[in-house]
Amino acid sequence: MSRKGGFFKGHPGFVFILGGVLGVLVMVYTNKVLHDTGTDEYCQSCHVHPHAVDSWKLSSHYNNKSGVKVHCIDCHLPPKGDWQYFKTKSCTGLHDLWAYWTKDSADFNWDRKKELDYAVNIVYNESCKECHVNLFPKGLSSDGGTAHLYYEENETKLDLQCISCHLSVGHYDPNYKHAKTAITTQLSNNGPKFTEPARVEKFENFTEQVPGTPIAFDMVAVPGGTFKMGSPASEKFRHEDEGPVREVTVSPFFMGKIEVTWDEYLAFRLQTESEGRIAPSVIFERNRLAMDAESVDAISGPTPPFGSPDQGWGAGARPAITMTHYSAEIYCLWLSKITGKKYRLPTEAEWEYAARGGTETPYFFEGSPKKFSSQGWLRKFFDPDTAVINSYAVYALNSDMRTQEPKRVKENPFGLKNMLGNVMEYCADWYAEDAYAKSGASVTNPKGPETGEEHVVRGGNYTNDAADIRAAARSHTYSVDWLKTDPQQPKSIWWFSDIKGIGFRVVCEPDDAIIQK
């Protein structure tokens, strides 16, 4: 007599019990693994950031009045209890282990990992809100209430996250501040003050002297000429708005040897600062009228910024950053009034002509974008060539993720520094993607479209790849994005809250009589 089905067919209850036992064991073991791999000590065994633990213990997530201790996984993983938590923990853990086994932590750019655009990828906003359920607790300041109301109204529309304004709550950074603050007014140069501006009698380099201040800066005489503006279709990494290539003629002009420094900008602020009691619209109209006024006193300057414009990197000879296009224009107005000359922002054509320095190649120095760029799958196996470009531009691979003083780089053929890197620079022109196509194949002193919504910015900044700091590369302001975390109503007309790598340099128009000498 045969017996089909074996032992388990005759004992279904045993199968059920065995399955239950195995299920319980899997759950217990899984929970143990999740627990053991979720402790702060376990995280720190792989994450060897030299200051991560110390900065965490100094932060408000560890060192606070309530005694609550926020753990690594509370911020760096989604809320517990769903599939997304398990999936993220597994993928993140495998990635971290692979990095720990195959990479040298000495090669990591730790400063880069403290930036907001990096942090938003490793901090989960839902986890923030899991703990901070009440955004309007007792004792919250009026400024805090305004900021949190702004967050609630714009979280989805502007893609705001809690760390957009609270970046240092998990890892304390003494240089980080997201609140209205008084900018430093300490000049690095405390020498005697100039009583009169520089006299310019010939079209040659000169050093401007700012009356009433100890500030002086070099201006370079850029000869007029004709050049090919834009990039050919064959240029690696080019964008459509860089063409078609056109023949452009520019008249002679003076240009700042370096970007406007904090010393120069703070001198302007000291003489014109306002405390924000005047409505921005009134300030704007007053400064518009001041264009024709005789007195520098008619010019109203920047109100206190929101945050720390110098980012704690230092002032002095570093380029002034985070000011708006309007703020840069008013600086030029003030400089014109106080020196008696015609200072302004460069046109886009003047900027590219000056950046090229008489060359027609992607950079004013030898080398190709493909050779210098970190983009492309081959860069996983071969490092880009940095020997030449490091001498002329401050960009992603040599900046330490912050602006640098001009002494770090060499001059271009016209004698100008940092034309292709360090900070992006404002131009006077409104931006249009098809500006070149509409202007014709040959133009003289073009000034761009008559109207627009955003202004042209040129040159790369300290975060950019070599592909983005080519002489022909164009970009523009992003006014909404760059004011995303400014909760003030109305928003500042002087300072951007969400862009660090933006600054400007000045142009001075020479008198006709000087050019003819």
Protein backbone atom coordinates (compact mmCIF):
# COMPACT_ATOMS: atom_id res chain seq x y z
CA MET A 1 0.00 0.00 0.00
CA SER A 2 1.58 3.22 -1.13
CA ARG A 3 1.74 6.46 0.89
CA LYS A 4 1.74 9.68 -1.12
CA GLY A 5 2.55 13.16 0.18
CA GLY A 6 5.09 12.15 2.78
CA PHE A 7 5.23 13.15 6.43
CA PHE A 8 4.07 16.76 6.13
CA LYS A 9 0.87 15.77 4.29
CA GLY A 10 -0.25 13.86 7.25
CA HIS A 11 0.79 16.48 9.80
CA PRO A 12 -0.40 19.90 8.51
CA GLY A 13 -0.32 21.32 12.04
CA PHE A 14 3.41 20.71 12.25
CA VAL A 15 4.01 22.65 9.03
CA PHE A 16 2.05 25.57 10.45
CA ILE A 17 4.01 25.49 13.71
CA LEU A 18 7.35 25.21 11.94
CA GLY A 19 6.49 28.13 9.69
CA GLY A 20 5.46 30.20 12.69
CA VAL A 21 8.71 29.42 14.52
CA LEU A 22 10.81 30.30 11.50
CA GLY A 23 8.84 33.53 11.03
CA VAL A 24 9.39 34.52 14.65
CA LEU A 25 13.11 33.74 14.37
CA VAL A 26 13.39 35.85 11.21
CA MET A 27 11.56 38.75 12.87
CA VAL A 28 13.67 38.55 16.03
CA TYR A 29 16.90 38.29 14.10
CA THR A 30 15.88 41.07 11.70
CA ASN A 31 14.96 43.37 14.57
CA LYS A 32 18.26 42.57 16.27
CA VAL A 33 20.18 43.38 13.08
CA LEU A 34 18.23 46.60 12.61
CA HIS A 35 18.88 47.56 16.23
CA ASP A 36 22.55 46.63 16.28
CA THR A 37 23.26 48.46 13.01
CA GLY A 38 21.29 51.52 14.09
CA THR A 39 23.28 52.58 17.15
CA ASP A 40 25.40 55.73 17.13
CA GLU A 41 28.50 53.65 17.81
CA TYR A 42 27.85 51.44 14.78
CA CYS A 43 27.34 54.47 12.53
CA GLN A 44 30.54 56.05 13.81
CA SER A 45 32.52 52.86 13.13
CA CYS A 46 32.14 53.47 9.38
CA HIS A 47 31.60 57.23 9.18
CA VAL A 48 35.04 58.51 10.00
CA HIS A 49 34.42 62.22 9.45
CA PRO A 50 37.06 63.78 11.74
CA HIS A 51 34.63 66.23 13.38
CA ALA A 52 31.24 64.53 13.02
CA VAL A 53 30.96 63.27 16.59
CA ASP A 54 32.29 66.45 18.20
CA SER A 55 30.03 68.73 16.15
CA TRP A 56 27.04 66.47 16.89
CA LYS A 57 27.68 66.69 20.65
CA LEU A 58 27.86 70.49 20.41
CA SER A 59 24.64 70.71 18.43
CA SER A 60 21.13 71.42 19.71
CA HIS A 61 20.23 67.83 18.86
CA TYR A 62 22.54 66.65 21.64
CA ASN A 63 23.43 69.59 23.85
CA ASN A 64 20.05 71.08 24.84
CA LYS A 65 18.01 72.04 27.91
CA SER A 66 15.50 69.21 27.51
CA GLY A 67 18.11 66.47 27.70
CA VAL A 68 16.78 64.83 24.54
CA LYS A 69 19.46 63.07 22.51
CA VAL A 70 18.81 62.75 18.79
CA HIS A 71 20.59 59.78 17.22
CA CYS A 72 22.23 59.40 13.80
CA ILE A 73 19.41 57.35 12.27
CA ASP A 74 16.76 59.80 13.55
CA CYS A 75 17.88 62.28 10.90
CA HIS A 76 19.70 60.23 8.28
CA LEU A 77 16.94 57.67 7.69
CA PRO A 78 13.20 58.02 7.01
CA PRO A 79 10.79 57.47 9.95
CA LYS A 80 10.71 53.89 11.21
CA GLY A 81 7.88 51.50 10.54
CA ASP A 82 7.53 51.25 6.79
CA TRP A 83 9.16 49.64 3.78
CA GLN A 84 10.92 52.88 2.81
CA TYR A 85 12.86 52.82 6.09
CA PHE A 86 14.09 49.27 5.54
CA LYS A 87 14.90 49.91 1.87
CA THR A 88 16.82 53.12 2.58
CA LYS A 89 18.71 51.58 5.48
CA SER A 90 19.76 48.60 3.36
CA CYS A 91 20.87 50.66 0.36
CA THR A 92 22.61 53.28 2.47
CA GLY A 93 24.36 50.63 4.54
CA LEU A 94 25.69 48.81 1.49
CA HIS A 95 26.88 52.08 -0.03
CA ASP A 96 28.63 53.11 3.21
CA LEU A 97 30.32 49.74 3.61
CA TRP A 98 31.55 49.82 0.03
CA ALA A 99 32.96 53.33 0.54
CA TYR A 100 34.58 52.27 3.82
CA TRP A 101 36.30 49.29 2.21
CA THR A 102 37.33 50.85 -1.11
CA LYS A 103 37.96 54.58 -0.51
CA ASP A 104 40.47 56.62 1.43
CA SER A 105 38.74 59.04 3.81
CA ALA A 106 41.69 61.41 3.47
CA ASP A 107 40.53 62.12 -0.08
CA PHE A 108 37.02 63.18 0.98
CA ASN A 109 36.05 66.84 0.74
CA TRP A 110 34.47 67.21 4.16
CA ASP A 111 33.60 70.87 3.66
CA ARG A 112 31.59 69.91 0.59
CA LYS A 113 29.56 67.46 2.67
CA LYS A 114 28.47 70.30 4.99
CA GLU A 115 26.80 72.24 2.17
CA LEU A 116 23.00 72.36 2.01
CA ASP A 117 22.74 70.93 -1.51
CA TYR A 118 24.58 67.83 -0.27
CA ALA A 119 22.82 67.61 3.09
CA VAL A 120 19.31 67.52 1.59
CA ASN A 121 20.19 64.13 0.08
CA ILE A 122 21.13 62.53 3.40
CA VAL A 123 18.64 64.16 5.80
CA TYR A 124 14.95 63.23 5.62
CA ASN A 125 12.45 66.01 6.15
CA GLU A 126 9.71 63.59 7.21
CA SER A 127 11.96 62.51 10.07
CA CYS A 128 12.31 66.13 11.18
CA LYS A 129 8.52 66.51 11.25
CA GLU A 130 8.13 63.19 13.05
CA CYS A 131 9.69 64.82 16.13
CA HIS A 132 8.83 68.48 15.56
CA VAL A 133 5.08 68.10 15.32
CA ASN A 134 4.24 71.56 16.62
CA LEU A 135 5.94 74.30 14.57
CA PHE A 136 4.54 77.05 16.78
CA PRO A 137 5.47 76.03 20.34
CA LYS A 138 5.23 78.30 23.35
CA GLY A 139 8.19 80.66 23.54
CA LEU A 140 8.83 80.79 19.79
CA SER A 141 10.01 84.26 18.80
CA SER A 142 8.01 86.41 16.43
CA ASP A 143 10.72 86.03 13.78
CA GLY A 144 10.59 82.26 14.28
CA GLY A 145 6.82 82.28 13.92
CA THR A 146 7.08 84.27 10.69
CA ALA A 147 9.69 81.86 9.35
CA HIS A 148 7.67 78.74 10.25
CA LEU A 149 4.50 80.20 8.75
CA TYR A 150 6.46 80.92 5.57
CA TYR A 151 7.68 77.31 5.60
CA GLU A 152 4.16 75.91 5.96
CA GLU A 153 2.89 78.02 3.08
CA ASN A 154 5.81 77.28 0.74
CA GLU A 155 7.13 73.82 1.67
CA THR A 156 5.87 72.14 -1.49
CA LYS A 157 5.97 75.11 -3.86
CA LEU A 158 9.59 76.01 -3.11
CA ASP A 159 10.74 72.53 -2.08
CA LEU A 160 11.72 73.77 1.36
CA GLN A 161 13.10 71.45 4.01
CA CYS A 162 13.67 72.03 7.70
CA ILE A 163 17.43 72.06 7.19
CA SER A 164 17.05 74.78 4.56
CA CYS A 165 17.06 77.14 7.55
CA HIS A 166 18.37 74.85 10.33
CA LEU A 167 21.44 73.34 8.71
CA SER A 168 23.55 73.20 11.87
CA VAL A 169 21.05 71.64 14.31
CA GLY A 170 22.54 68.17 13.84
CA HIS A 171 26.19 69.13 13.47
CA TYR A 172 27.08 72.47 15.01
CA ASP A 173 28.85 74.98 12.79
CA PRO A 174 29.94 78.19 14.57
CA ASN A 175 30.02 80.05 11.25
CA TYR A 176 26.44 79.19 10.29
CA LYS A 177 23.59 81.54 11.08
CA HIS A 178 20.17 81.82 9.48
CA ALA A 179 18.65 84.99 10.89
CA LYS A 180 18.80 88.70 10.31
CA THR A 181 22.23 89.72 11.44
CA ALA A 182 24.60 92.64 11.46
CA ILE A 183 27.36 92.19 8.90
CA THR A 184 30.86 92.91 10.06
CA THR A 185 32.05 96.42 9.32
CA GLN A 186 35.66 95.79 10.17
CA LEU A 187 38.01 96.60 7.29
CA SER A 188 41.25 94.70 7.07
CA ASN A 189 42.98 97.89 5.94
CA ASN A 190 43.08 100.51 8.70
CA GLY A 191 45.58 102.86 7.05
CA PRO A 192 45.15 106.58 6.38
CA LYS A 193 42.06 107.64 4.45
CA PHE A 194 42.31 109.03 0.94
CA THR A 195 41.14 112.58 0.44
CA GLU A 196 40.66 112.43 -3.32
CA PRO A 197 40.21 109.80 -6.02
CA ALA A 198 42.86 108.75 -8.52
CA ARG A 199 43.48 111.07 -11.45
CA VAL A 200 43.29 109.31 -14.78
CA GLU A 201 44.96 111.25 -17.59
CA LYS A 202 45.93 108.41 -19.92
CA PHE A 203 44.37 105.14 -21.04
CA GLU A 204 46.55 102.94 -18.89
CA ASN A 205 46.25 100.87 -15.74
CA PHE A 206 45.56 102.90 -12.62
CA THR A 207 44.85 102.41 -8.92
CA GLU A 208 41.58 103.90 -7.75
CA GLN A 209 41.49 105.59 -4.36
CA VAL A 210 38.13 105.76 -2.57
CA PRO A 211 37.84 109.13 -0.78
CA GLY A 212 37.02 108.96 2.92
CA THR A 213 38.31 105.38 3.16
CA PRO A 214 41.68 103.59 3.20
CA ILE A 215 40.52 101.47 0.25
CA ALA A 216 42.32 101.35 -3.10
CA PHE A 217 42.00 98.85 -5.93
CA ASP A 218 43.58 98.25 -9.33
CA MET A 219 41.85 98.96 -12.63
CA VAL A 220 43.14 97.43 -15.88
CA ALA A 221 42.99 99.26 -19.21
CA VAL A 222 41.34 96.81 -21.62
CA PRO A 223 41.95 97.87 -25.23
CA GLY A 224 39.00 97.86 -27.58
CA GLY A 225 38.83 95.30 -30.35
CA THR A 226 36.80 92.77 -32.29
CA PHE A 227 36.38 89.13 -31.27
CA LYS A 228 34.24 86.07 -31.88
CA MET A 229 31.71 85.92 -29.07
CA GLY A 230 30.15 82.59 -28.14
CA SER A 231 31.20 78.99 -28.72
CA PRO A 232 31.24 76.95 -31.93
CA ALA A 233 29.02 73.88 -32.20
CA SER A 234 32.10 71.67 -31.89
CA GLU A 235 33.09 72.97 -28.43
CA LYS A 236 32.73 70.28 -25.78
CA PHE A 237 30.04 70.94 -23.12
CA ARG A 238 28.62 73.99 -24.95
CA HIS A 239 24.97 74.99 -24.56
CA GLU A 240 22.57 76.35 -27.15
CA ASP A 241 22.48 79.82 -25.60
CA GLU A 242 26.20 80.24 -26.39
CA GLY A 243 25.53 80.61 -30.10
CA PRO A 244 25.50 81.33 -32.86
CA VAL A 245 29.01 82.75 -32.76
CA ARG A 246 28.95 86.42 -33.74
CA GLU A 247 31.57 89.05 -34.45
CA VAL A 248 31.51 91.68 -31.73
CA THR A 249 33.38 94.94 -31.46
CA VAL A 250 33.83 96.62 -28.07
CA SER A 251 35.25 100.03 -27.24
CA PRO A 252 38.14 100.44 -24.77
CA PHE A 253 37.23 100.29 -21.08
CA PHE A 254 38.78 99.94 -17.65
CA MET A 255 37.94 96.79 -15.65
CA GLY A 256 38.65 95.79 -12.06
CA LYS A 257 41.70 93.58 -11.89
CA ILE A 258 39.89 91.38 -9.37
CA GLU A 259 36.34 90.90 -8.18
CA VAL A 260 35.02 93.52 -5.74
CA THR A 261 36.38 92.54 -2.35
CA TRP A 262 34.72 92.58 1.05
CA ASP A 263 36.92 95.53 2.03
CA GLU A 264 35.63 97.51 -0.96
CA TYR A 265 32.01 96.52 -0.41
CA LEU A 266 32.09 97.15 3.34
CA ALA A 267 33.44 100.64 2.73
CA PHE A 268 30.31 101.24 0.67
CA ARG A 269 28.11 99.80 3.41
CA LEU A 270 29.71 101.93 6.12
CA GLN A 271 28.88 105.10 4.22
CA THR A 272 25.40 104.20 3.04
CA GLU A 273 23.92 101.53 5.35
CA SER A 274 20.27 101.68 6.35
CA GLU A 275 18.52 99.76 9.11
CA GLY A 276 15.57 98.54 7.13
CA ARG A 277 13.00 100.97 8.52
CA ILE A 278 12.34 102.30 5.01
CA ALA A 279 10.22 100.26 2.63
CA PRO A 280 12.25 98.66 -0.19
CA SER A 281 10.11 100.44 -2.79
CA VAL A 282 10.98 103.81 -1.23
CA ILE A 283 14.69 102.93 -1.17
CA PHE A 284 14.54 101.85 -4.80
CA GLU A 285 12.90 105.10 -5.90
CA ARG A 286 15.27 107.19 -3.78
CA ASN A 287 18.30 105.53 -5.33
CA ARG A 288 16.86 105.89 -8.81
CA LEU A 289 16.63 109.64 -8.24
CA ALA A 290 20.11 109.61 -6.74
CA MET A 291 21.48 108.62 -10.13
CA ASP A 292 21.29 112.31 -11.01
CA ALA A 293 21.97 113.69 -7.55
CA GLU A 294 25.13 115.55 -6.62
CA SER A 295 25.51 114.15 -3.10
CA VAL A 296 26.60 110.68 -2.08
CA ASP A 297 24.38 111.12 1.00
CA ALA A 298 21.33 110.65 -1.24
CA ILE A 299 22.23 106.99 -1.73
CA SER A 300 20.70 104.40 0.63
CA GLY A 301 22.77 101.27 1.01
CA PRO A 302 22.20 97.70 2.21
CA THR A 303 20.03 96.79 5.16
CA PRO A 304 21.28 94.02 7.49
CA PRO A 305 21.55 90.69 5.67
CA PHE A 306 19.67 87.49 6.45
CA GLY A 307 22.39 85.05 7.48
CA SER A 308 26.16 85.52 7.34
CA PRO A 309 27.17 86.76 3.87
CA ASP A 310 30.85 85.94 4.32
CA GLN A 311 29.91 82.39 5.48
CA GLY A 312 32.60 82.64 8.16
CA TRP A 313 35.27 82.29 5.50
CA GLY A 314 36.68 85.73 6.20
CA ALA A 315 36.40 89.14 4.57
CA GLY A 316 39.36 91.32 3.52
CA ALA A 317 40.53 90.46 0.00
CA ARG A 318 38.03 87.67 -0.57
CA PRO A 319 35.33 88.54 -3.08
CA ALA A 320 32.17 90.09 -1.63
CA ILE A 321 29.31 87.64 -2.16
CA THR A 322 25.54 87.05 -1.82
CA MET A 323 24.49 90.59 -2.72
CA THR A 324 21.73 91.04 -5.30
CA HIS A 325 22.15 92.49 -8.78
CA TYR A 326 20.41 95.62 -7.52
CA SER A 327 22.89 95.89 -4.66
CA ALA A 328 25.81 95.62 -7.09
CA GLU A 329 24.29 98.36 -9.25
CA ILE A 330 23.91 100.70 -6.26
CA TYR A 331 27.52 100.01 -5.31
CA CYS A 332 28.55 101.17 -8.78
CA LEU A 333 26.36 104.26 -8.38
CA TRP A 334 28.00 105.09 -5.05
CA LEU A 335 31.48 104.50 -6.45
CA SER A 336 30.71 106.78 -9.40
CA LYS A 337 29.48 109.58 -7.13
CA ILE A 338 32.37 109.36 -4.69
CA THR A 339 35.12 109.21 -7.34
CA GLY A 340 33.59 111.38 -10.05
CA LYS A 341 34.04 108.63 -12.66
CA LYS A 342 31.58 106.43 -14.59
CA TYR A 343 31.57 103.07 -12.85
CA ARG A 344 29.08 100.35 -13.77
CA LEU A 345 28.69 96.61 -14.28
CA PRO A 346 30.25 95.20 -17.47
CA THR A 347 28.11 94.30 -20.44
CA GLU A 348 28.12 90.63 -21.33
CA ALA A 349 30.18 91.38 -24.44
CA GLU A 350 32.77 93.34 -22.45
CA TRP A 351 32.98 90.55 -19.92
CA GLU A 352 33.65 87.79 -22.47
CA TYR A 353 36.08 89.96 -24.42
CA ALA A 354 38.02 90.64 -21.21
CA ALA A 355 37.88 86.99 -20.11
CA ARG A 356 39.26 85.72 -23.41
CA GLY A 357 42.17 88.13 -23.34
CA GLY A 358 42.60 87.96 -27.11
CA THR A 359 42.21 84.16 -27.37
CA GLU A 360 39.58 82.14 -29.25
CA THR A 361 39.89 78.87 -27.30
CA PRO A 362 37.52 77.58 -24.59
CA TYR A 363 39.85 78.98 -21.94
CA PHE A 364 42.44 81.74 -22.18
CA PHE A 365 45.06 79.14 -21.28
CA GLU A 366 46.07 75.95 -23.04
CA GLY A 367 43.89 72.87 -22.63
CA SER A 368 40.49 71.44 -23.52
CA PRO A 369 37.28 71.15 -21.45
CA LYS A 370 37.30 67.37 -21.95
CA LYS A 371 40.80 67.19 -20.52
CA PHE A 372 39.95 69.30 -17.45
CA SER A 373 36.39 68.19 -16.70
CA SER A 374 35.37 65.65 -14.06
CA GLN A 375 32.27 64.70 -16.05
CA GLY A 376 31.91 61.43 -17.94
CA TRP A 377 32.16 57.75 -17.09
CA LEU A 378 35.88 57.64 -17.85
CA ARG A 379 36.48 59.86 -14.82
CA LYS A 380 35.67 56.86 -12.64
CA PHE A 381 39.00 55.43 -13.74
CA PHE A 382 41.12 58.45 -14.73
CA ASP A 383 41.50 61.74 -12.89
CA PRO A 384 41.18 64.99 -14.86
CA ASP A 385 44.31 66.98 -15.67
CA THR A 386 44.63 69.84 -13.18
CA ALA A 387 48.22 70.97 -13.69
CA VAL A 388 47.40 74.01 -15.86
CA ILE A 389 43.87 74.98 -14.86
CA ASN A 390 44.70 75.09 -11.15
CA SER A 391 47.00 78.03 -11.81
CA TYR A 392 44.30 80.21 -13.36
CA ALA A 393 40.90 79.35 -11.89
CA VAL A 394 39.34 78.64 -8.50
CA TYR A 395 36.81 75.86 -9.17
CA ALA A 396 35.49 72.61 -7.68
CA LEU A 397 38.76 70.68 -7.65
CA ASN A 398 40.95 73.25 -5.93
CA SER A 399 38.67 75.63 -4.01
CA ASP A 400 38.16 73.67 -0.76
CA MET A 401 34.49 74.58 -1.38
CA ARG A 402 34.82 78.24 -0.57
CA THR A 403 35.94 81.47 -2.21
CA GLN A 404 39.64 82.23 -2.26
CA GLU A 405 41.78 85.36 -2.28
CA PRO A 406 42.99 86.54 -5.71
CA LYS A 407 46.60 85.74 -4.89
CA ARG A 408 45.76 82.07 -5.49
CA VAL A 409 45.68 82.47 -9.29
CA LYS A 410 47.63 83.95 -12.19
CA GLU A 411 46.49 86.76 -14.49
CA ASN A 412 44.97 86.29 -17.93
CA PRO A 413 46.59 87.95 -21.00
CA PHE A 414 44.89 91.27 -20.20
CA GLY A 415 46.16 91.22 -16.60
CA LEU A 416 42.82 90.23 -15.00
CA LYS A 417 42.41 87.61 -12.27
CA ASN A 418 39.68 85.05 -11.60
CA MET A 419 37.70 85.78 -14.74
CA LEU A 420 36.70 82.12 -15.04
CA GLY A 421 36.25 81.05 -11.44
CA ASN A 422 35.94 81.88 -7.75
CA VAL A 423 32.53 83.57 -8.02
CA MET A 424 30.04 84.13 -10.81
CA GLU A 425 29.90 87.78 -11.84
CA TYR A 426 26.95 90.01 -12.63
CA CYS A 427 26.68 91.65 -16.02
CA ALA A 428 24.49 94.64 -16.88
CA ASP A 429 22.50 92.76 -19.55
CA TRP A 430 19.12 91.14 -19.21
CA TYR A 431 19.34 87.44 -20.06
CA ALA A 432 17.75 85.88 -23.14
CA GLU A 433 18.55 82.42 -24.45
CA ASP A 434 18.39 83.64 -28.06
CA ALA A 435 20.13 86.98 -27.51
CA TYR A 436 22.95 86.19 -29.94
CA ALA A 437 20.65 85.06 -32.73
CA LYS A 438 18.55 88.21 -32.50
CA SER A 439 21.44 90.66 -32.49
CA GLY A 440 22.90 89.81 -35.89
CA ALA A 441 26.18 88.31 -37.06
CA SER A 442 28.21 91.49 -36.47
CA VAL A 443 27.53 94.06 -33.74
CA THR A 444 29.27 96.88 -31.87
CA ASN A 445 28.97 97.33 -28.11
CA PRO A 446 25.83 95.17 -27.69
CA LYS A 447 23.88 95.59 -24.47
CA GLY A 448 21.48 92.66 -24.62
CA PRO A 449 17.66 92.74 -24.58
CA GLU A 450 15.89 95.92 -23.50
CA THR A 451 13.86 94.08 -20.85
CA GLY A 452 13.85 90.73 -19.09
CA GLU A 453 13.23 88.84 -15.88
CA GLU A 454 16.76 87.72 -14.99
CA HIS A 455 20.22 89.21 -15.52
CA VAL A 456 23.23 87.58 -17.12
CA VAL A 457 25.92 86.15 -14.85
CA ARG A 458 29.26 85.08 -16.26
CA GLY A 459 32.22 83.00 -15.11
CA GLY A 460 32.02 79.94 -12.93
CA ASN A 461 32.33 79.76 -9.17
CA TYR A 462 34.17 77.69 -6.61
CA THR A 463 31.67 74.81 -6.88
CA ASN A 464 31.73 74.44 -10.67
CA ASP A 465 33.27 71.77 -12.84
CA ALA A 466 35.81 72.85 -15.45
CA ALA A 467 33.12 72.36 -18.11
CA ASP A 468 31.15 75.27 -16.67
CA ILE A 469 33.93 77.84 -16.45
CA ARG A 470 34.67 78.11 -20.16
CA ALA A 471 34.92 81.69 -21.46
CA ALA A 472 31.72 81.33 -23.51
CA ALA A 473 29.62 79.66 -20.79
CA ARG A 474 26.51 81.70 -19.91
CA SER A 475 24.12 81.65 -17.00
CA HIS A 476 21.68 83.99 -15.32
CA THR A 477 20.28 84.95 -11.95
CA TYR A 478 17.66 82.70 -10.31
CA SER A 479 15.97 85.31 -8.15
CA VAL A 480 13.23 83.07 -6.72
CA ASP A 481 15.52 80.15 -5.90
CA TRP A 482 18.23 82.41 -4.50
CA LEU A 483 15.73 83.95 -2.06
CA LYS A 484 14.01 80.69 -1.22
CA THR A 485 14.81 80.63 2.50
CA ASP A 486 14.40 84.36 3.15
CA PRO A 487 11.12 84.48 5.13
CA GLN A 488 10.97 88.27 5.27
CA GLN A 489 8.01 90.01 3.68
CA PRO A 490 8.92 91.74 1.50
CA LYS A 491 12.09 89.83 0.74
CA SER A 492 15.43 91.64 0.78
CA ILE A 493 16.35 93.71 -2.26
CA TRP A 494 19.98 93.73 -1.08
CA TRP A 495 20.95 90.17 -0.14
CA PHE A 496 20.31 86.68 -1.47
CA SER A 497 19.81 83.99 1.18
CA ASP A 498 20.50 80.94 -1.00
CA ILE A 499 23.52 81.60 -3.22
CA LYS A 500 27.11 81.91 -2.05
CA GLY A 501 29.12 81.88 -5.27
CA ILE A 502 27.93 85.19 -6.74
CA GLY A 503 29.79 88.50 -6.82
CA PHE A 504 30.82 91.14 -9.35
CA ARG A 505 33.60 93.29 -10.72
CA VAL A 506 33.35 96.85 -11.98
CA VAL A 507 33.95 98.59 -15.29
CA CYS A 508 34.89 102.25 -15.62
CA GLU A 509 34.10 104.14 -18.82
CA PRO A 510 37.06 106.24 -19.99
CA ASP A 511 36.53 109.76 -21.31
CA ASP A 512 36.94 110.15 -25.06
CA ALA A 513 39.79 112.59 -24.51
CA ILE A 514 41.74 109.97 -22.55
CA ILE A 515 41.34 107.32 -25.25
CA GLN A 516 42.62 109.69 -27.92
CA LYS A 517 45.85 110.44 -26.06
